[in-house]
Amino acid sequence: MIWLHRYAKLVTLFTVLLIAAGGMVTSTSSGLSVPDWPNTYGWFMFSFPYSKWVGGIFYEHSHRLIASTVGFLTIGLAAWTSLVEPRRWVRRLAWLALGAVILQGVLGGLTVLYFLPAPISIGHAALAQIFFCLALSIAVFTSPRWACGANPVDDATLRRLTVATAGVIYVQILLGATMRHMDAGLAIPDFPLAFGRVVPPFWSTAIAINFAHRVGALAVTLAIAATAIRVWRHHRYRSGLVANATLLVVFLATQITLGAFVVLTGKQPIVNTAHVVNGASVLGTALVLALRSYRVRFARTAAAVEPARVLRSEPGGMGIPAVQGKAVRP
């Protein structure tokens, strides 16, 4: 199982790389640098000559190759999980990830074939984050720490906070994707004020989206602060939770700084892409904290299922044969 966990981490790492590549495509306006799909200027994708990787073609073609690699890795993840993972829900999660990455590839192709329509492009960005969360969740569920976790934290307030925080972060990422694909990133040209005021003195669709993203950043900040304070105050002796909460705050501070520099540098591509990648890091860290806060629920479910299986295996136990060969683990 340790090798499956390491492989899931590899898939997650390549997914972050894919998000970075997609961010560079958007930041450099290279989405239509390769006008056909799934081929590249009529060439089979993997045989396209490196000498032709110039300008925007480099970013778009690299993005396609990394996406294909993630797709092949996800096929391996689903197959491997099906062979060695005893928990049915984890196996289903792996196949759900495969379905998500296939749909992601289709959406990527449609963005090219239909000349970057905003709804499809935003959906492509939104699904990328969902796939990242699926891959990261599988890595968490197959980790030795999850399997051997004794005395998990039981804090209903923390569970509610972490889920709410992850949800707010995801909505904020959707607002950011909408802002990028509607070219509204500089609709408000100053920071931290808006046209020199707290609230913009005039409005347009682009300004409204941009301002909503800024308000969303405030909501994310408050949610992360509440979650981190809850961990630091009530679970300060749990080093894993404290480290997770602290890293979440660090990523938040980095994200706010990068967001400011996106505006101040006029959406410099590397800064803009770093903002996208760090946003995914904020979401992933919040997700891991939420999963760890729910670890006790998984343990209770496993404890409830195991006696039922033992009962069915005993003589006269409802006449149902026991499930053999697979241990139940949370």
C-alpha atoms as a PDB file:
ATOM      1  CA  MET A   1       0.000   0.000   0.000  1.00  0.00           C
ATOM      2  CA  ILE A   2       2.894   2.374   0.626  1.00  0.00           C
ATOM      3  CA  TRP A   3       3.775   2.261  -3.068  1.00  0.00           C
ATOM      4  CA  LEU A   4       0.209   3.047  -4.050  1.00  0.00           C
ATOM      5  CA  HIS A   5       0.355   6.033  -1.698  1.00  0.00           C
ATOM      6  CA  ARG A   6       3.589   7.230  -3.283  1.00  0.00           C
ATOM      7  CA  TYR A   7       2.121   6.789  -6.734  1.00  0.00           C
ATOM      8  CA  ALA A   8      -0.964   8.816  -5.724  1.00  0.00           C
ATOM      9  CA  LYS A   9       1.356  11.576  -4.506  1.00  0.00           C
ATOM     10  CA  LEU A  10       3.113  11.474  -7.886  1.00  0.00           C
ATOM     11  CA  VAL A  11      -0.230  11.926  -9.657  1.00  0.00           C
ATOM     12  CA  THR A  12      -1.009  14.848  -7.353  1.00  0.00           C
ATOM     13  CA  LEU A  13       2.385  16.429  -8.069  1.00  0.00           C
ATOM     14  CA  PHE A  14       1.869  16.140 -11.832  1.00  0.00           C
ATOM     15  CA  THR A  15      -1.584  17.660 -11.395  1.00  0.00           C
ATOM     16  CA  VAL A  16      -0.032  20.727  -9.753  1.00  0.00           C
ATOM     17  CA  LEU A  17       2.396  20.903 -12.685  1.00  0.00           C
ATOM     18  CA  LEU A  18      -0.580  20.699 -15.058  1.00  0.00           C
ATOM     19  CA  ILE A  19      -2.341  23.544 -13.241  1.00  0.00           C
ATOM     20  CA  ALA A  20       0.843  25.610 -13.585  1.00  0.00           C
ATOM     21  CA  ALA A  21       1.058  24.831 -17.306  1.00  0.00           C
ATOM     22  CA  GLY A  22      -2.595  25.782 -17.765  1.00  0.00           C
ATOM     23  CA  GLY A  23      -1.969  28.984 -15.850  1.00  0.00           C
ATOM     24  CA  MET A  24       0.863  29.913 -18.203  1.00  0.00           C
ATOM     25  CA  VAL A  25      -1.354  29.243 -21.222  1.00  0.00           C
ATOM     26  CA  THR A  26      -3.968  31.644 -19.870  1.00  0.00           C
ATOM     27  CA  SER A  27      -1.460  34.202 -18.603  1.00  0.00           C
ATOM     28  CA  THR A  28       0.313  34.394 -21.971  1.00  0.00           C
ATOM     29  CA  SER A  29      -2.944  34.265 -24.001  1.00  0.00           C
ATOM     30  CA  SER A  30      -1.674  31.144 -25.761  1.00  0.00           C
ATOM     31  CA  GLY A  31      -4.924  29.183 -25.731  1.00  0.00           C
ATOM     32  CA  LEU A  32      -5.308  29.278 -29.530  1.00  0.00           C
ATOM     33  CA  SER A  33      -1.629  29.095 -30.431  1.00  0.00           C
ATOM     34  CA  VAL A  34      -2.334  25.533 -31.546  1.00  0.00           C
ATOM     35  CA  PRO A  35      -5.605  25.825 -33.500  1.00  0.00           C
ATOM     36  CA  ASP A  36      -6.400  22.118 -33.917  1.00  0.00           C
ATOM     37  CA  TRP A  37      -7.168  19.327 -31.459  1.00  0.00           C
ATOM     38  CA  PRO A  38      -6.250  16.606 -30.592  1.00  0.00           C
ATOM     39  CA  ASN A  39      -3.441  16.984 -33.144  1.00  0.00           C
ATOM     40  CA  THR A  40      -0.904  19.796 -33.173  1.00  0.00           C
ATOM     41  CA  TYR A  41      -0.793  21.492 -36.587  1.00  0.00           C
ATOM     42  CA  GLY A  42      -1.756  18.176 -38.129  1.00  0.00           C
ATOM     43  CA  TRP A  43       1.002  16.252 -36.311  1.00  0.00           C
ATOM     44  CA  PHE A  44       0.306  13.467 -33.859  1.00  0.00           C
ATOM     45  CA  MET A  45       0.709  15.220 -30.516  1.00  0.00           C
ATOM     46  CA  PHE A  46       3.708  13.215 -29.313  1.00  0.00           C
ATOM     47  CA  SER A  47       5.570  13.497 -32.604  1.00  0.00           C
ATOM     48  CA  PHE A  48       5.353  17.273 -33.019  1.00  0.00           C
ATOM     49  CA  PRO A  49       8.949  18.495 -33.689  1.00  0.00           C
ATOM     50  CA  TYR A  50      10.579  20.305 -30.795  1.00  0.00           C
ATOM     51  CA  SER A  51      12.029  22.861 -33.215  1.00  0.00           C
ATOM     52  CA  LYS A  52       8.497  24.171 -33.749  1.00  0.00           C
ATOM     53  CA  TRP A  53       7.870  24.770 -30.047  1.00  0.00           C
ATOM     54  CA  VAL A  54       8.111  28.552 -30.294  1.00  0.00           C
ATOM     55  CA  GLY A  55       6.179  31.413 -28.712  1.00  0.00           C
ATOM     56  CA  GLY A  56       2.718  30.523 -27.524  1.00  0.00           C
ATOM     57  CA  ILE A  57       2.964  27.087 -29.154  1.00  0.00           C
ATOM     58  CA  PHE A  58       5.481  26.124 -26.462  1.00  0.00           C
ATOM     59  CA  TYR A  59       3.036  26.847 -23.643  1.00  0.00           C
ATOM     60  CA  GLU A  60      -0.025  25.296 -25.287  1.00  0.00           C
ATOM     61  CA  HIS A  61       1.717  22.176 -26.584  1.00  0.00           C
ATOM     62  CA  SER A  62       3.526  21.625 -23.261  1.00  0.00           C
ATOM     63  CA  HIS A  63       0.182  21.903 -21.513  1.00  0.00           C
ATOM     64  CA  ARG A  64      -1.269  19.202 -23.768  1.00  0.00           C
ATOM     65  CA  LEU A  65       1.648  16.847 -23.196  1.00  0.00           C
ATOM     66  CA  ILE A  66       1.484  17.261 -19.416  1.00  0.00           C
ATOM     67  CA  ALA A  67      -2.293  16.751 -19.525  1.00  0.00           C
ATOM     68  CA  SER A  68      -1.810  13.513 -21.473  1.00  0.00           C
ATOM     69  CA  THR A  69       0.761  12.352 -18.936  1.00  0.00           C
ATOM     70  CA  VAL A  70      -1.645  13.034 -16.084  1.00  0.00           C
ATOM     71  CA  GLY A  71      -4.302  11.091 -17.979  1.00  0.00           C
ATOM     72  CA  PHE A  72      -2.064   8.033 -18.378  1.00  0.00           C
ATOM     73  CA  LEU A  73      -0.986   8.249 -14.729  1.00  0.00           C
ATOM     74  CA  THR A  74      -4.626   8.371 -13.645  1.00  0.00           C
ATOM     75  CA  ILE A  75      -5.425   5.249 -15.655  1.00  0.00           C
ATOM     76  CA  GLY A  76      -2.617   3.547 -13.734  1.00  0.00           C
ATOM     77  CA  LEU A  77      -3.950   4.896 -10.442  1.00  0.00           C
ATOM     78  CA  ALA A  78      -7.463   3.564 -11.078  1.00  0.00           C
ATOM     79  CA  ALA A  79      -6.178   0.153 -12.161  1.00  0.00           C
ATOM     80  CA  TRP A  80      -3.691  -0.175  -9.303  1.00  0.00           C
ATOM     81  CA  THR A  81      -6.241   0.922  -6.718  1.00  0.00           C
ATOM     82  CA  SER A  82      -8.747  -1.617  -8.036  1.00  0.00           C
ATOM     83  CA  LEU A  83      -6.185  -4.409  -7.656  1.00  0.00           C
ATOM     84  CA  VAL A  84      -4.813  -3.747  -4.171  1.00  0.00           C
ATOM     85  CA  GLU A  85      -7.190  -1.430  -2.291  1.00  0.00           C
ATOM     86  CA  PRO A  86      -9.680  -3.300  -0.042  1.00  0.00           C
ATOM     87  CA  ARG A  87     -11.940  -0.292   0.582  1.00  0.00           C
ATOM     88  CA  ARG A  88     -14.630  -0.095  -2.073  1.00  0.00           C
ATOM     89  CA  TRP A  89     -15.175   3.639  -1.657  1.00  0.00           C
ATOM     90  CA  VAL A  90     -11.487   4.364  -2.286  1.00  0.00           C
ATOM     91  CA  ARG A  91     -11.598   2.240  -5.445  1.00  0.00           C
ATOM     92  CA  ARG A  92     -14.654   4.172  -6.598  1.00  0.00           C
ATOM     93  CA  LEU A  93     -12.891   7.442  -5.826  1.00  0.00           C
ATOM     94  CA  ALA A  94     -10.016   6.427  -8.103  1.00  0.00           C
ATOM     95  CA  TRP A  95     -12.396   5.647 -10.968  1.00  0.00           C
ATOM     96  CA  LEU A  96     -14.182   8.943 -10.341  1.00  0.00           C
ATOM     97  CA  ALA A  97     -10.817  10.666 -10.729  1.00  0.00           C
ATOM     98  CA  LEU A  98     -10.309   8.885 -14.044  1.00  0.00           C
ATOM     99  CA  GLY A  99     -13.732  10.026 -15.239  1.00  0.00           C
ATOM    100  CA  ALA A 100     -12.899  13.580 -14.189  1.00  0.00           C
ATOM    101  CA  VAL A 101      -9.601  13.648 -16.066  1.00  0.00           C
ATOM    102  CA  ILE A 102     -11.265  12.294 -19.224  1.00  0.00           C
ATOM    103  CA  LEU A 103     -13.951  14.974 -19.023  1.00  0.00           C
ATOM    104  CA  GLN A 104     -11.222  17.531 -18.401  1.00  0.00           C
ATOM    105  CA  GLY A 105      -9.494  16.530 -21.604  1.00  0.00           C
ATOM    106  CA  VAL A 106     -12.746  16.849 -23.550  1.00  0.00           C
ATOM    107  CA  LEU A 107     -13.370  20.315 -22.114  1.00  0.00           C
ATOM    108  CA  GLY A 108      -9.815  21.304 -23.006  1.00  0.00           C
ATOM    109  CA  GLY A 109     -10.423  20.255 -26.595  1.00  0.00           C
ATOM    110  CA  LEU A 110     -13.730  22.120 -26.748  1.00  0.00           C
ATOM    111  CA  THR A 111     -12.082  25.333 -25.567  1.00  0.00           C
ATOM    112  CA  VAL A 112      -9.866  25.185 -28.664  1.00  0.00           C
ATOM    113  CA  LEU A 113     -12.466  23.997 -31.158  1.00  0.00           C
ATOM    114  CA  TYR A 114     -14.955  26.671 -30.061  1.00  0.00           C
ATOM    115  CA  PHE A 115     -12.353  29.448 -29.734  1.00  0.00           C
ATOM    116  CA  LEU A 116     -12.126  29.794 -25.958  1.00  0.00           C
ATOM    117  CA  PRO A 117     -15.768  30.385 -24.934  1.00  0.00           C
ATOM    118  CA  ALA A 118     -15.789  31.702 -21.374  1.00  0.00           C
ATOM    119  CA  PRO A 119     -18.278  29.155 -19.910  1.00  0.00           C
ATOM    120  CA  ILE A 120     -16.293  26.163 -21.183  1.00  0.00           C
ATOM    121  CA  SER A 121     -12.956  27.703 -20.187  1.00  0.00           C
ATOM    122  CA  ILE A 122     -14.255  28.431 -16.687  1.00  0.00           C
ATOM    123  CA  GLY A 123     -15.640  24.903 -16.428  1.00  0.00           C
ATOM    124  CA  HIS A 124     -12.250  23.560 -17.531  1.00  0.00           C
ATOM    125  CA  ALA A 125     -10.550  25.519 -14.750  1.00  0.00           C
ATOM    126  CA  ALA A 126     -13.142  24.484 -12.162  1.00  0.00           C
ATOM    127  CA  LEU A 127     -12.856  20.789 -13.024  1.00  0.00           C
ATOM    128  CA  ALA A 128      -9.066  20.993 -12.824  1.00  0.00           C
ATOM    129  CA  GLN A 129      -9.352  21.912  -9.153  1.00  0.00           C
ATOM    130  CA  ILE A 130     -11.854  19.106  -8.519  1.00  0.00           C
ATOM    131  CA  PHE A 131      -9.529  16.562 -10.096  1.00  0.00           C
ATOM    132  CA  PHE A 132      -6.651  17.909  -8.014  1.00  0.00           C
ATOM    133  CA  CYS A 133      -8.751  17.444  -4.872  1.00  0.00           C
ATOM    134  CA  LEU A 134      -9.650  13.873  -5.893  1.00  0.00           C
ATOM    135  CA  ALA A 135      -6.014  12.922  -6.491  1.00  0.00           C
ATOM    136  CA  LEU A 136      -4.949  14.557  -3.232  1.00  0.00           C
ATOM    137  CA  SER A 137      -7.726  12.781  -1.313  1.00  0.00           C
ATOM    138  CA  ILE A 138      -6.611   9.400  -2.638  1.00  0.00           C
ATOM    139  CA  ALA A 139      -3.069  10.198  -1.553  1.00  0.00           C
ATOM    140  CA  VAL A 140      -4.358  11.010   1.946  1.00  0.00           C
ATOM    141  CA  PHE A 141      -6.573   7.914   2.211  1.00  0.00           C
ATOM    142  CA  THR A 142      -3.758   5.562   1.161  1.00  0.00           C
ATOM    143  CA  SER A 143      -1.170   7.118   3.475  1.00  0.00           C
ATOM    144  CA  PRO A 144       0.262   5.165   6.447  1.00  0.00           C
ATOM    145  CA  ARG A 145      -0.744   8.030   8.757  1.00  0.00           C
ATOM    146  CA  TRP A 146      -4.392   7.629   7.736  1.00  0.00           C
ATOM    147  CA  ALA A 147      -4.359   3.830   8.050  1.00  0.00           C
ATOM    148  CA  CYS A 148      -2.606   3.835  11.426  1.00  0.00           C
ATOM    149  CA  GLY A 149      -4.153   6.981  12.867  1.00  0.00           C
ATOM    150  CA  ALA A 150      -4.969   6.301  16.494  1.00  0.00           C
ATOM    151  CA  ASN A 151      -7.107   8.572  18.668  1.00  0.00           C
ATOM    152  CA  PRO A 152      -8.300  10.846  15.848  1.00  0.00           C
ATOM    153  CA  VAL A 153      -9.540  14.296  16.737  1.00  0.00           C
ATOM    154  CA  ASP A 154     -13.269  14.491  17.511  1.00  0.00           C
ATOM    155  CA  ASP A 155     -14.294  18.121  17.180  1.00  0.00           C
ATOM    156  CA  ALA A 156     -17.601  18.854  15.458  1.00  0.00           C
ATOM    157  CA  THR A 157     -16.897  22.591  15.354  1.00  0.00           C
ATOM    158  CA  LEU A 158     -13.567  22.015  13.639  1.00  0.00           C
ATOM    159  CA  ARG A 159     -15.228  19.727  11.108  1.00  0.00           C
ATOM    160  CA  ARG A 160     -17.785  22.384  10.228  1.00  0.00           C
ATOM    161  CA  LEU A 161     -15.115  25.073  10.011  1.00  0.00           C
ATOM    162  CA  THR A 162     -12.806  23.078   7.770  1.00  0.00           C
ATOM    163  CA  VAL A 163     -15.566  22.092   5.347  1.00  0.00           C
ATOM    164  CA  ALA A 164     -16.844  25.666   5.185  1.00  0.00           C
ATOM    165  CA  THR A 165     -13.304  26.950   4.649  1.00  0.00           C
ATOM    166  CA  ALA A 166     -12.603  24.540   1.798  1.00  0.00           C
ATOM    167  CA  GLY A 167     -15.939  25.475   0.218  1.00  0.00           C
ATOM    168  CA  VAL A 168     -15.265  29.217   0.433  1.00  0.00           C
ATOM    169  CA  ILE A 169     -11.803  28.724  -1.072  1.00  0.00           C
ATOM    170  CA  TYR A 170     -13.233  26.756  -3.996  1.00  0.00           C
ATOM    171  CA  VAL A 171     -15.836  29.453  -4.696  1.00  0.00           C
ATOM    172  CA  GLN A 172     -13.045  32.029  -4.603  1.00  0.00           C
ATOM    173  CA  ILE A 173     -11.057  29.997  -7.141  1.00  0.00           C
ATOM    174  CA  LEU A 174     -14.138  29.921  -9.390  1.00  0.00           C
ATOM    175  CA  LEU A 175     -14.394  33.708  -9.120  1.00  0.00           C
ATOM    176  CA  GLY A 176     -10.720  33.969 -10.030  1.00  0.00           C
ATOM    177  CA  ALA A 177     -11.201  31.694 -13.049  1.00  0.00           C
ATOM    178  CA  THR A 178     -14.191  33.767 -14.160  1.00  0.00           C
ATOM    179  CA  MET A 179     -12.161  36.927 -13.792  1.00  0.00           C
ATOM    180  CA  ARG A 180      -9.253  35.520 -15.830  1.00  0.00           C
ATOM    181  CA  HIS A 181     -11.343  34.126 -18.655  1.00  0.00           C
ATOM    182  CA  MET A 182     -13.451  37.272 -18.919  1.00  0.00           C
ATOM    183  CA  ASP A 183     -10.271  39.370 -18.990  1.00  0.00           C
ATOM    184  CA  ALA A 184     -11.313  41.301 -15.891  1.00  0.00           C
ATOM    185  CA  GLY A 185      -8.051  40.940 -13.963  1.00  0.00           C
ATOM    186  CA  LEU A 186      -7.175  44.626 -14.317  1.00  0.00           C
ATOM    187  CA  ALA A 187     -10.712  46.009 -14.368  1.00  0.00           C
ATOM    188  CA  ILE A 188      -9.767  47.615 -11.048  1.00  0.00           C
ATOM    189  CA  PRO A 189      -6.232  48.891 -11.700  1.00  0.00           C
ATOM    190  CA  ASP A 190      -5.163  49.756  -8.139  1.00  0.00           C
ATOM    191  CA  PHE A 191      -4.692  47.756  -4.930  1.00  0.00           C
ATOM    192  CA  PRO A 192      -5.751  47.518  -2.130  1.00  0.00           C
ATOM    193  CA  LEU A 193      -8.249  50.286  -2.939  1.00  0.00           C
ATOM    194  CA  ALA A 194     -10.628  50.313  -5.908  1.00  0.00           C
ATOM    195  CA  PHE A 195     -10.193  53.476  -7.948  1.00  0.00           C
ATOM    196  CA  GLY A 196      -8.922  55.106  -4.784  1.00  0.00           C
ATOM    197  CA  ARG A 197     -11.950  54.071  -2.736  1.00  0.00           C
ATOM    198  CA  VAL A 198     -13.056  51.132  -0.638  1.00  0.00           C
ATOM    199  CA  VAL A 199     -15.989  50.458  -2.982  1.00  0.00           C
ATOM    200  CA  PRO A 200     -15.742  51.240  -6.722  1.00  0.00           C
ATOM    201  CA  PRO A 201     -17.470  54.554  -7.590  1.00  0.00           C
ATOM    202  CA  PHE A 202     -18.833  53.076 -10.840  1.00  0.00           C
ATOM    203  CA  TRP A 203     -19.599  49.603 -12.109  1.00  0.00           C
ATOM    204  CA  SER A 204     -19.402  47.299 -15.077  1.00  0.00           C
ATOM    205  CA  THR A 205     -19.530  43.534 -15.409  1.00  0.00           C
ATOM    206  CA  ALA A 206     -15.741  43.295 -15.324  1.00  0.00           C
ATOM    207  CA  ILE A 207     -15.465  45.590 -12.294  1.00  0.00           C
ATOM    208  CA  ALA A 208     -18.173  43.621 -10.457  1.00  0.00           C
ATOM    209  CA  ILE A 209     -16.363  40.318 -11.043  1.00  0.00           C
ATOM    210  CA  ASN A 210     -13.035  41.793  -9.995  1.00  0.00           C
ATOM    211  CA  PHE A 211     -14.494  43.337  -6.846  1.00  0.00           C
ATOM    212  CA  ALA A 212     -16.311  40.099  -5.995  1.00  0.00           C
ATOM    213  CA  HIS A 213     -12.959  38.310  -6.154  1.00  0.00           C
ATOM    214  CA  ARG A 214     -11.512  40.831  -3.704  1.00  0.00           C
ATOM    215  CA  VAL A 215     -14.460  40.408  -1.339  1.00  0.00           C
ATOM    216  CA  GLY A 216     -13.990  36.666  -1.698  1.00  0.00           C
ATOM    217  CA  ALA A 217     -10.383  37.042  -0.612  1.00  0.00           C
ATOM    218  CA  LEU A 218     -11.611  38.700   2.588  1.00  0.00           C
ATOM    219  CA  ALA A 219     -14.082  35.853   3.178  1.00  0.00           C
ATOM    220  CA  VAL A 220     -11.314  33.275   2.665  1.00  0.00           C
ATOM    221  CA  THR A 221      -9.059  35.154   5.080  1.00  0.00           C
ATOM    222  CA  LEU A 222     -11.716  35.161   7.802  1.00  0.00           C
ATOM    223  CA  ALA A 223     -12.532  31.474   7.265  1.00  0.00           C
ATOM    224  CA  ILE A 224      -8.887  30.397   7.392  1.00  0.00           C
ATOM    225  CA  ALA A 225      -8.263  32.565  10.460  1.00  0.00           C
ATOM    226  CA  ALA A 226     -11.209  30.977  12.283  1.00  0.00           C
ATOM    227  CA  THR A 227     -10.033  27.468  11.373  1.00  0.00           C
ATOM    228  CA  ALA A 228      -6.418  28.094  12.345  1.00  0.00           C
ATOM    229  CA  ILE A 229      -7.366  29.700  15.664  1.00  0.00           C
ATOM    230  CA  ARG A 230      -9.597  26.726  16.453  1.00  0.00           C
ATOM    231  CA  VAL A 231      -6.693  24.339  15.857  1.00  0.00           C
ATOM    232  CA  TRP A 232      -4.126  26.427  17.723  1.00  0.00           C
ATOM    233  CA  ARG A 233      -6.365  26.918  20.755  1.00  0.00           C
ATOM    234  CA  HIS A 234      -8.000  23.521  21.123  1.00  0.00           C
ATOM    235  CA  HIS A 235      -5.573  21.095  19.464  1.00  0.00           C
ATOM    236  CA  ARG A 236      -2.172  22.656  20.036  1.00  0.00           C
ATOM    237  CA  TYR A 237      -0.709  19.314  21.145  1.00  0.00           C
ATOM    238  CA  ARG A 238      -1.603  17.625  17.868  1.00  0.00           C
ATOM    239  CA  SER A 239       1.458  18.437  15.801  1.00  0.00           C
ATOM    240  CA  GLY A 240      -0.053  17.263  12.506  1.00  0.00           C
ATOM    241  CA  LEU A 241      -3.099  19.507  12.759  1.00  0.00           C
ATOM    242  CA  VAL A 242      -1.050  22.480  13.973  1.00  0.00           C
ATOM    243  CA  ALA A 243       1.439  22.114  11.125  1.00  0.00           C
ATOM    244  CA  ASN A 244      -1.425  21.835   8.631  1.00  0.00           C
ATOM    245  CA  ALA A 245      -3.182  24.933   9.983  1.00  0.00           C
ATOM    246  CA  THR A 246       0.064  26.921  10.061  1.00  0.00           C
ATOM    247  CA  LEU A 247       0.880  25.966   6.472  1.00  0.00           C
ATOM    248  CA  LEU A 248      -2.608  27.064   5.466  1.00  0.00           C
ATOM    249  CA  VAL A 249      -1.994  30.516   6.956  1.00  0.00           C
ATOM    250  CA  VAL A 250       1.389  30.748   5.198  1.00  0.00           C
ATOM    251  CA  PHE A 251      -0.186  29.876   1.852  1.00  0.00           C
ATOM    252  CA  LEU A 252      -2.911  32.462   2.505  1.00  0.00           C
ATOM    253  CA  ALA A 253      -0.368  35.208   3.174  1.00  0.00           C
ATOM    254  CA  THR A 254       1.520  34.221   0.024  1.00  0.00           C
ATOM    255  CA  GLN A 255      -1.696  34.250  -2.001  1.00  0.00           C
ATOM    256  CA  ILE A 256      -2.660  37.749  -0.856  1.00  0.00           C
ATOM    257  CA  THR A 257       0.830  39.004  -1.701  1.00  0.00           C
ATOM    258  CA  LEU A 258       0.760  37.389  -5.134  1.00  0.00           C
ATOM    259  CA  GLY A 259      -2.711  38.803  -5.772  1.00  0.00           C
ATOM    260  CA  ALA A 260      -1.421  42.303  -5.058  1.00  0.00           C
ATOM    261  CA  PHE A 261       1.542  41.819  -7.380  1.00  0.00           C
ATOM    262  CA  VAL A 262      -0.721  40.499 -10.156  1.00  0.00           C
ATOM    263  CA  VAL A 263      -2.353  43.936 -10.201  1.00  0.00           C
ATOM    264  CA  LEU A 264       0.788  45.979  -9.573  1.00  0.00           C
ATOM    265  CA  THR A 265       2.756  44.191 -12.330  1.00  0.00           C
ATOM    266  CA  GLY A 266      -0.069  44.347 -14.840  1.00  0.00           C
ATOM    267  CA  LYS A 267      -0.651  40.561 -14.768  1.00  0.00           C
ATOM    268  CA  GLN A 268       2.953  39.543 -15.351  1.00  0.00           C
ATOM    269  CA  PRO A 269       2.621  35.910 -16.566  1.00  0.00           C
ATOM    270  CA  ILE A 270       4.887  34.225 -14.010  1.00  0.00           C
ATOM    271  CA  VAL A 271       3.333  36.147 -11.114  1.00  0.00           C
ATOM    272  CA  ASN A 272      -0.159  35.433 -12.424  1.00  0.00           C
ATOM    273  CA  THR A 273       0.595  31.717 -12.785  1.00  0.00           C
ATOM    274  CA  ALA A 274       2.147  31.563  -9.319  1.00  0.00           C
ATOM    275  CA  HIS A 275      -1.091  33.063  -8.002  1.00  0.00           C
ATOM    276  CA  VAL A 276      -3.081  30.277  -9.695  1.00  0.00           C
ATOM    277  CA  VAL A 277      -0.810  27.497  -8.412  1.00  0.00           C
ATOM    278  CA  ASN A 278      -0.685  28.882  -4.884  1.00  0.00           C
ATOM    279  CA  GLY A 279      -4.476  29.127  -4.915  1.00  0.00           C
ATOM    280  CA  ALA A 280      -4.615  25.397  -5.582  1.00  0.00           C
ATOM    281  CA  SER A 281      -2.170  24.906  -2.700  1.00  0.00           C
ATOM    282  CA  VAL A 282      -4.479  26.833  -0.381  1.00  0.00           C
ATOM    283  CA  LEU A 283      -7.415  24.652  -1.443  1.00  0.00           C
ATOM    284  CA  GLY A 284      -5.413  21.428  -1.110  1.00  0.00           C
ATOM    285  CA  THR A 285      -4.134  22.300   2.342  1.00  0.00           C
ATOM    286  CA  ALA A 286      -7.638  23.169   3.530  1.00  0.00           C
ATOM    287  CA  LEU A 287      -8.924  19.895   2.089  1.00  0.00           C
ATOM    288  CA  VAL A 288      -6.291  17.833   3.913  1.00  0.00           C
ATOM    289  CA  LEU A 289      -7.150  19.578   7.174  1.00  0.00           C
ATOM    290  CA  ALA A 290     -10.838  18.856   6.592  1.00  0.00           C
ATOM    291  CA  LEU A 291     -10.168  15.185   5.868  1.00  0.00           C
ATOM    292  CA  ARG A 292      -8.071  14.849   9.012  1.00  0.00           C
ATOM    293  CA  SER A 293     -10.790  16.457  11.083  1.00  0.00           C
ATOM    294  CA  TYR A 294     -13.217  13.828   9.721  1.00  0.00           C
ATOM    295  CA  ARG A 295     -10.860  10.915  10.408  1.00  0.00           C
ATOM    296  CA  VAL A 296     -12.887   9.943  13.490  1.00  0.00           C
ATOM    297  CA  ARG A 297     -16.016   9.524  11.362  1.00  0.00           C
ATOM    298  CA  PHE A 298     -14.236   7.051   9.104  1.00  0.00           C
ATOM    299  CA  ALA A 299     -13.019   5.124  12.134  1.00  0.00           C
ATOM    300  CA  ARG A 300     -16.562   4.916  13.542  1.00  0.00           C
ATOM    301  CA  THR A 301     -17.923   3.673  10.215  1.00  0.00           C
ATOM    302  CA  ALA A 302     -15.322   0.919  10.050  1.00  0.00           C
ATOM    303  CA  ALA A 303     -16.013  -0.062  13.656  1.00  0.00           C
ATOM    304  CA  ALA A 304     -19.726  -0.340  12.890  1.00  0.00           C
ATOM    305  CA  VAL A 305     -19.203  -2.432   9.763  1.00  0.00           C
ATOM    306  CA  GLU A 306     -16.770  -4.942  11.265  1.00  0.00           C
ATOM    307  CA  PRO A 307     -19.134  -6.474  13.897  1.00  0.00           C
ATOM    308  CA  ALA A 308     -21.779  -6.956  11.210  1.00  0.00           C
ATOM    309  CA  ARG A 309     -19.338  -8.927   9.109  1.00  0.00           C
ATOM    310  CA  VAL A 310     -18.313 -11.048  12.081  1.00  0.00           C
ATOM    311  CA  LEU A 311     -21.976 -11.740  12.866  1.00  0.00           C
ATOM    312  CA  ARG A 312     -22.679 -12.894   9.325  1.00  0.00           C
ATOM    313  CA  SER A 313     -19.652 -15.225   9.426  1.00  0.00           C
ATOM    314  CA  GLU A 314     -20.824 -17.068  12.563  1.00  0.00           C
ATOM    315  CA  PRO A 315     -23.071 -20.153  12.416  1.00  0.00           C
ATOM    316  CA  GLY A 316     -26.676 -19.020  12.340  1.00  0.00           C
ATOM    317  CA  GLY A 317     -25.615 -15.456  11.686  1.00  0.00           C
ATOM    318  CA  MET A 318     -28.483 -14.553   9.381  1.00  0.00           C
ATOM    319  CA  GLY A 319     -27.398 -17.255   6.906  1.00  0.00           C
ATOM    320  CA  ILE A 320     -25.191 -14.816   4.957  1.00  0.00           C
ATOM    321  CA  PRO A 321     -21.626 -15.892   4.137  1.00  0.00           C
ATOM    322  CA  ALA A 322     -18.874 -13.616   5.363  1.00  0.00           C
ATOM    323  CA  VAL A 323     -16.789 -11.557   2.999  1.00  0.00           C
ATOM    324  CA  GLN A 324     -13.430 -13.246   2.804  1.00  0.00           C
ATOM    325  CA  GLY A 325      -9.969 -12.016   2.010  1.00  0.00           C
ATOM    326  CA  LYS A 326     -10.372  -8.289   2.569  1.00  0.00           C
ATOM    327  CA  ALA A 327      -9.731  -6.548   5.838  1.00  0.00           C
ATOM    328  CA  VAL A 328     -11.833  -3.541   6.712  1.00  0.00           C
ATOM    329  CA  ARG A 329      -9.836  -0.417   7.219  1.00  0.00           C
ATOM    330  CA  PRO A 330     -11.079   3.127   7.656  1.00  0.00           C
END
